[in-house]
């Protein structure tokens, strides 16, 4: 069960991080701060979301053995 919870938290963290990074990218592109080659769902956004998902997976509750 703890593995399921950890996977669920990691999946939720990935989805939320990807949406947040895409929104941030869209704002930065509209403000003309970033180069035009930066796109939504690019390597930067997916990589950042994967890093946050990995952190969420490692910090998920685990079963402690006595």
C-alpha atoms as a PDB file:
ATOM      1  CA  UNK A   1       0.000   0.000   0.000  1.00  0.00           C
ATOM      2  CA  UNK A   2       2.738   2.587   0.738  1.00  0.00           C
ATOM      3  CA  UNK A   3       4.153   2.033  -2.759  1.00  0.00           C
ATOM      4  CA  UNK A   4       0.743   2.829  -4.231  1.00  0.00           C
ATOM      5  CA  UNK A   5       0.509   6.008  -2.173  1.00  0.00           C
ATOM      6  CA  UNK A   6       4.020   7.037  -3.191  1.00  0.00           C
ATOM      7  CA  UNK A   7       3.253   6.443  -6.868  1.00  0.00           C
ATOM      8  CA  UNK A   8      -0.011   8.346  -6.571  1.00  0.00           C
ATOM      9  CA  UNK A   9       1.714  11.311  -4.926  1.00  0.00           C
ATOM     10  CA  UNK A  10       4.469  11.285  -7.540  1.00  0.00           C
ATOM     11  CA  UNK A  11       1.942  11.228 -10.393  1.00  0.00           C
ATOM     12  CA  UNK A  12      -0.001  14.095  -8.853  1.00  0.00           C
ATOM     13  CA  UNK A  13       3.193  16.081  -8.313  1.00  0.00           C
ATOM     14  CA  UNK A  14       4.228  15.494 -11.932  1.00  0.00           C
ATOM     15  CA  UNK A  15       0.880  16.665 -13.318  1.00  0.00           C
ATOM     16  CA  UNK A  16       0.684  19.731 -11.103  1.00  0.00           C
ATOM     17  CA  UNK A  17       4.302  20.693 -11.730  1.00  0.00           C
ATOM     18  CA  UNK A  18       3.901  20.330 -15.490  1.00  0.00           C
ATOM     19  CA  UNK A  19       0.797  22.516 -15.490  1.00  0.00           C
ATOM     20  CA  UNK A  20       2.494  25.136 -13.319  1.00  0.00           C
ATOM     21  CA  UNK A  21       5.663  25.185 -15.414  1.00  0.00           C
ATOM     22  CA  UNK A  22       3.627  25.436 -18.632  1.00  0.00           C
ATOM     23  CA  UNK A  23       1.664  28.369 -17.220  1.00  0.00           C
ATOM     24  CA  UNK A  24       4.887  30.045 -16.144  1.00  0.00           C
ATOM     25  CA  UNK A  25       6.356  29.478 -19.604  1.00  0.00           C
ATOM     26  CA  UNK A  26       3.283  30.980 -21.235  1.00  0.00           C
ATOM     27  CA  UNK A  27       3.553  34.085 -19.043  1.00  0.00           C
ATOM     28  CA  UNK A  28       7.263  34.482 -19.694  1.00  0.00           C
ATOM     29  CA  UNK A  29       6.694  34.196 -23.441  1.00  0.00           C
ATOM     30  CA  UNK A  30       3.896  36.781 -23.349  1.00  0.00           C
ATOM     31  CA  UNK A  31       6.119  39.204 -21.447  1.00  0.00           C
ATOM     32  CA  UNK A  32       8.877  38.659 -24.068  1.00  0.00           C
ATOM     33  CA  UNK A  33      11.400  37.757 -21.376  1.00  0.00           C
ATOM     34  CA  UNK A  34      12.326  34.316 -22.709  1.00  0.00           C
ATOM     35  CA  UNK A  35      13.587  33.330 -26.150  1.00  0.00           C
ATOM     36  CA  UNK A  36      10.883  32.388 -28.645  1.00  0.00           C
ATOM     37  CA  UNK A  37      12.310  28.851 -28.949  1.00  0.00           C
ATOM     38  CA  UNK A  38      11.064  28.073 -25.446  1.00  0.00           C
ATOM     39  CA  UNK A  39       7.816  26.143 -25.813  1.00  0.00           C
ATOM     40  CA  UNK A  40       5.216  24.536 -23.597  1.00  0.00           C
ATOM     41  CA  UNK A  41       5.753  20.847 -22.815  1.00  0.00           C
ATOM     42  CA  UNK A  42       9.391  21.219 -23.760  1.00  0.00           C
ATOM     43  CA  UNK A  43      12.376  19.480 -22.246  1.00  0.00           C
ATOM     44  CA  UNK A  44      12.747  22.119 -19.544  1.00  0.00           C
ATOM     45  CA  UNK A  45       9.173  21.755 -18.308  1.00  0.00           C
ATOM     46  CA  UNK A  46       9.052  17.953 -18.462  1.00  0.00           C
ATOM     47  CA  UNK A  47      12.470  17.666 -16.834  1.00  0.00           C
ATOM     48  CA  UNK A  48      11.471  20.008 -14.018  1.00  0.00           C
ATOM     49  CA  UNK A  49       8.236  18.102 -13.475  1.00  0.00           C
ATOM     50  CA  UNK A  50      10.124  14.801 -13.363  1.00  0.00           C
ATOM     51  CA  UNK A  51      12.522  16.165 -10.760  1.00  0.00           C
ATOM     52  CA  UNK A  52       9.620  17.315  -8.589  1.00  0.00           C
ATOM     53  CA  UNK A  53       7.867  13.957  -9.018  1.00  0.00           C
ATOM     54  CA  UNK A  54      11.037  12.158  -7.947  1.00  0.00           C
ATOM     55  CA  UNK A  55      11.281  14.337  -4.845  1.00  0.00           C
ATOM     56  CA  UNK A  56       7.629  13.606  -4.031  1.00  0.00           C
ATOM     57  CA  UNK A  57       8.217   9.868  -4.480  1.00  0.00           C
ATOM     58  CA  UNK A  58      11.225   9.879  -2.156  1.00  0.00           C
ATOM     59  CA  UNK A  59       9.378  11.877   0.522  1.00  0.00           C
ATOM     60  CA  UNK A  60       6.235   9.718   0.441  1.00  0.00           C
ATOM     61  CA  UNK A  61       5.332   7.802   3.584  1.00  0.00           C
ATOM     62  CA  UNK A  62       7.004   4.425   3.897  1.00  0.00           C
ATOM     63  CA  UNK A  63       6.315   1.418   6.052  1.00  0.00           C
ATOM     64  CA  UNK A  64       8.776   1.079   8.916  1.00  0.00           C
ATOM     65  CA  UNK A  65       9.847  -2.392   9.924  1.00  0.00           C
ATOM     66  CA  UNK A  66      10.376  -3.007  13.666  1.00  0.00           C
END
